[in-house]
Amino acid sequence: MSKYTEDMREEFFDTPWGRCAIAVTDEGLARLRVGVLLRECKSCLPVASELGKTVEKMMNEYFAGTRREFDVPLDLRDMTGYDRAVLREALKIPYGATANYIEIARRLGYRHAANAVGGALAVNPVQIIVPCHRVIKQDGGLGGYSAPGGVSMKKKLLAFEKKNKA
């Protein structure tokens, strides 16, 4: 059962990489998805909230290659404590860099929890803002990506950041 209250507002805006659907609450950004289809955003309204406008500006700066980090309040109350801890670790991965699932598990004190890390990243509600696309397999393989576009989007994001890192 969702812990969200009636304060959630669903909004959308367009980016060079496709339509971005967000959900904002009084606490912060609760969801963000890039590349959603119009039919997936039936209840969304054009961005109107101050937080939505800030996210829109930051996302467009990111896709222009001029933003490396995001500074917006997040509302992750619908996630477990473990999942939130994994997302906090993913936030530490620098722009254009990667870490692997095992490294994240070890940082959290769970040496053998790579699959659990993958599970937490798979439910990341604010992809790109929390850069789960920067987490890869130990052998250098990409692993999964639950955002629209799947692994091909993850590959595209990693290549984009590598190109713009310099």
Protein backbone atom coordinates (compact mmCIF):
# COMPACT_ATOMS: atom_id res chain seq x y z
CA MET A 1 0.00 0.00 0.00
CA SER A 2 1.39 3.39 -0.96
CA LYS A 3 2.33 5.78 1.81
CA TYR A 4 1.63 8.79 -0.39
CA THR A 5 -1.11 11.14 0.59
CA GLU A 6 -3.36 13.25 -1.53
CA ASP A 7 -0.62 15.85 -1.87
CA MET A 8 0.88 14.10 -4.93
CA ARG A 9 0.70 15.99 -8.23
CA GLU A 10 1.59 14.37 -11.54
CA GLU A 11 3.13 16.67 -14.11
CA PHE A 12 5.00 16.38 -17.39
CA PHE A 13 7.40 18.30 -19.56
CA ASP A 14 9.31 17.55 -22.73
CA THR A 15 13.07 17.11 -22.99
CA PRO A 16 15.35 16.42 -25.94
CA TRP A 17 15.23 12.76 -24.83
CA GLY A 18 11.45 12.51 -24.71
CA ARG A 19 8.56 13.30 -22.41
CA CYS A 20 9.38 13.37 -18.71
CA ALA A 21 6.64 12.45 -16.25
CA ILE A 22 7.12 13.44 -12.63
CA ALA A 23 5.20 13.22 -9.39
CA VAL A 24 5.80 15.86 -6.76
CA THR A 25 4.56 16.02 -3.20
CA ASP A 26 4.90 18.52 -0.40
CA GLU A 27 7.99 16.53 0.65
CA GLY A 28 9.77 16.52 -2.72
CA LEU A 29 10.16 14.69 -6.00
CA ALA A 30 8.55 11.26 -5.68
CA ARG A 31 8.82 9.93 -9.26
CA LEU A 32 10.57 10.78 -12.49
CA ARG A 33 10.51 8.86 -15.75
CA VAL A 34 12.03 9.98 -19.06
CA GLY A 35 10.77 8.67 -22.37
CA VAL A 36 7.21 7.96 -21.31
CA LEU A 37 4.48 7.76 -23.89
CA LEU A 38 1.55 10.15 -23.74
CA ARG A 39 -0.83 7.30 -22.92
CA GLU A 40 1.32 6.45 -19.88
CA CYS A 41 0.79 9.94 -18.51
CA LYS A 42 -2.99 10.30 -18.78
CA SER A 43 -3.43 12.00 -15.41
CA CYS A 44 -0.40 14.27 -15.82
CA LEU A 45 -0.78 18.01 -16.24
CA PRO A 46 1.82 20.35 -17.74
CA VAL A 47 4.46 21.25 -15.18
CA ALA A 48 3.15 23.99 -12.88
CA SER A 49 4.62 23.48 -9.41
CA GLU A 50 7.79 25.30 -8.38
CA LEU A 51 9.52 21.97 -7.77
CA GLY A 52 8.35 20.71 -11.16
CA LYS A 53 9.77 23.80 -12.85
CA THR A 54 13.07 23.30 -11.04
CA VAL A 55 13.22 19.64 -12.09
CA GLU A 56 12.36 20.59 -15.68
CA LYS A 57 15.17 23.16 -15.75
CA MET A 58 17.68 20.75 -14.24
CA MET A 59 16.74 17.89 -16.55
CA ASN A 60 17.07 20.07 -19.63
CA GLU A 61 20.48 21.25 -18.37
CA TYR A 62 21.47 17.61 -17.85
CA PHE A 63 20.43 16.70 -21.40
CA ALA A 64 22.31 19.75 -22.71
CA GLY A 65 25.45 18.35 -21.03
CA THR A 66 25.80 21.25 -18.58
CA ARG A 67 24.48 19.68 -15.34
CA ARG A 68 26.33 16.93 -13.47
CA GLU A 69 24.36 16.74 -10.21
CA PHE A 70 20.83 17.40 -9.02
CA ASP A 71 19.85 19.26 -5.89
CA VAL A 72 16.16 18.63 -5.33
CA PRO A 73 14.35 17.24 -2.29
CA LEU A 74 13.29 13.64 -2.79
CA ASP A 75 10.22 11.97 -1.34
CA LEU A 76 11.22 8.31 -1.02
CA ARG A 77 8.89 7.40 1.83
CA ASP A 78 7.30 4.63 -0.22
CA MET A 79 10.59 2.69 -0.28
CA THR A 80 12.11 0.36 2.29
CA GLY A 81 15.03 1.53 4.38
CA TYR A 82 17.36 -0.83 2.51
CA ASP A 83 16.21 0.48 -0.88
CA ARG A 84 16.75 4.07 0.27
CA ALA A 85 20.26 3.16 1.49
CA VAL A 86 21.09 1.69 -1.93
CA LEU A 87 19.85 4.85 -3.65
CA ARG A 88 21.96 7.01 -1.31
CA GLU A 89 25.01 4.99 -2.38
CA ALA A 90 24.11 5.39 -6.05
CA LEU A 91 23.98 9.17 -5.52
CA LYS A 92 27.69 9.05 -4.60
CA ILE A 93 28.73 7.74 -8.04
CA PRO A 94 30.25 10.68 -9.92
CA TYR A 95 28.98 11.83 -13.30
CA GLY A 96 30.58 9.76 -16.07
CA ALA A 97 31.78 7.06 -13.66
CA THR A 98 30.36 3.66 -12.75
CA ALA A 99 30.29 1.32 -9.78
CA ASN A 100 29.22 -2.29 -9.73
CA TYR A 101 26.46 -4.02 -7.81
CA ILE A 102 28.95 -5.84 -5.56
CA GLU A 103 30.75 -2.59 -4.65
CA ILE A 104 27.46 -1.03 -3.59
CA ALA A 105 26.56 -4.09 -1.51
CA ARG A 106 29.95 -4.04 0.22
CA ARG A 107 29.67 -0.31 1.00
CA LEU A 108 26.41 -1.11 2.75
CA GLY A 109 28.00 -3.95 4.72
CA TYR A 110 26.31 -6.76 2.78
CA ARG A 111 29.10 -8.53 0.87
CA HIS A 112 26.80 -10.99 -0.87
CA ALA A 113 23.83 -8.78 -1.62
CA ALA A 114 24.52 -7.78 -5.23
CA ASN A 115 21.12 -9.14 -6.31
CA ALA A 116 19.38 -7.16 -3.57
CA VAL A 117 21.18 -4.03 -4.77
CA GLY A 118 19.88 -4.73 -8.28
CA GLY A 119 16.39 -5.19 -6.87
CA ALA A 120 16.55 -1.85 -5.05
CA LEU A 121 17.81 -0.06 -8.15
CA ALA A 122 15.04 -1.66 -10.21
CA VAL A 123 12.45 0.19 -8.11
CA ASN A 124 14.28 3.54 -8.17
CA PRO A 125 11.42 5.98 -8.68
CA VAL A 126 13.64 8.93 -9.65
CA GLN A 127 15.94 7.60 -12.34
CA ILE A 128 18.68 9.89 -13.62
CA ILE A 129 18.26 12.09 -10.51
CA VAL A 130 19.45 9.03 -8.57
CA PRO A 131 21.83 7.66 -11.20
CA CYS A 132 21.11 3.94 -11.08
CA HIS A 133 22.23 3.81 -14.73
CA ARG A 134 25.80 4.18 -13.38
CA VAL A 135 25.64 0.80 -11.63
CA ILE A 136 26.91 -2.06 -13.78
CA LYS A 137 27.91 -5.71 -13.42
CA GLN A 138 31.32 -6.63 -12.01
CA ASP A 139 32.41 -8.00 -15.40
CA GLY A 140 31.61 -4.68 -17.08
CA GLY A 141 28.26 -5.81 -18.47
CA LEU A 142 25.45 -3.33 -18.15
CA GLY A 143 23.01 -5.38 -16.09
CA GLY A 144 19.39 -4.30 -16.19
CA TYR A 145 17.59 -0.98 -16.37
CA SER A 146 13.92 -0.60 -15.55
CA ALA A 147 13.38 2.82 -17.14
CA PRO A 148 11.59 3.25 -20.46
CA GLY A 149 14.00 2.08 -23.15
CA GLY A 150 15.57 -0.49 -20.83
CA VAL A 151 19.23 -1.42 -21.26
CA SER A 152 19.51 0.54 -24.51
CA MET A 153 18.60 3.71 -22.55
CA LYS A 154 21.18 2.82 -19.87
CA LYS A 155 23.84 2.39 -22.55
CA LYS A 156 22.85 5.70 -24.13
CA LEU A 157 23.01 7.54 -20.77
CA LEU A 158 26.44 6.11 -19.94
CA ALA A 159 27.81 7.04 -23.37
CA PHE A 160 26.29 10.53 -23.09
CA GLU A 161 27.91 11.13 -19.69
CA LYS A 162 31.27 9.75 -20.81
CA LYS A 163 31.24 12.06 -23.84
CA ASN A 164 30.28 15.13 -21.78
CA LYS A 165 32.54 14.37 -18.80
CA ALA A 166 35.55 16.22 -20.19
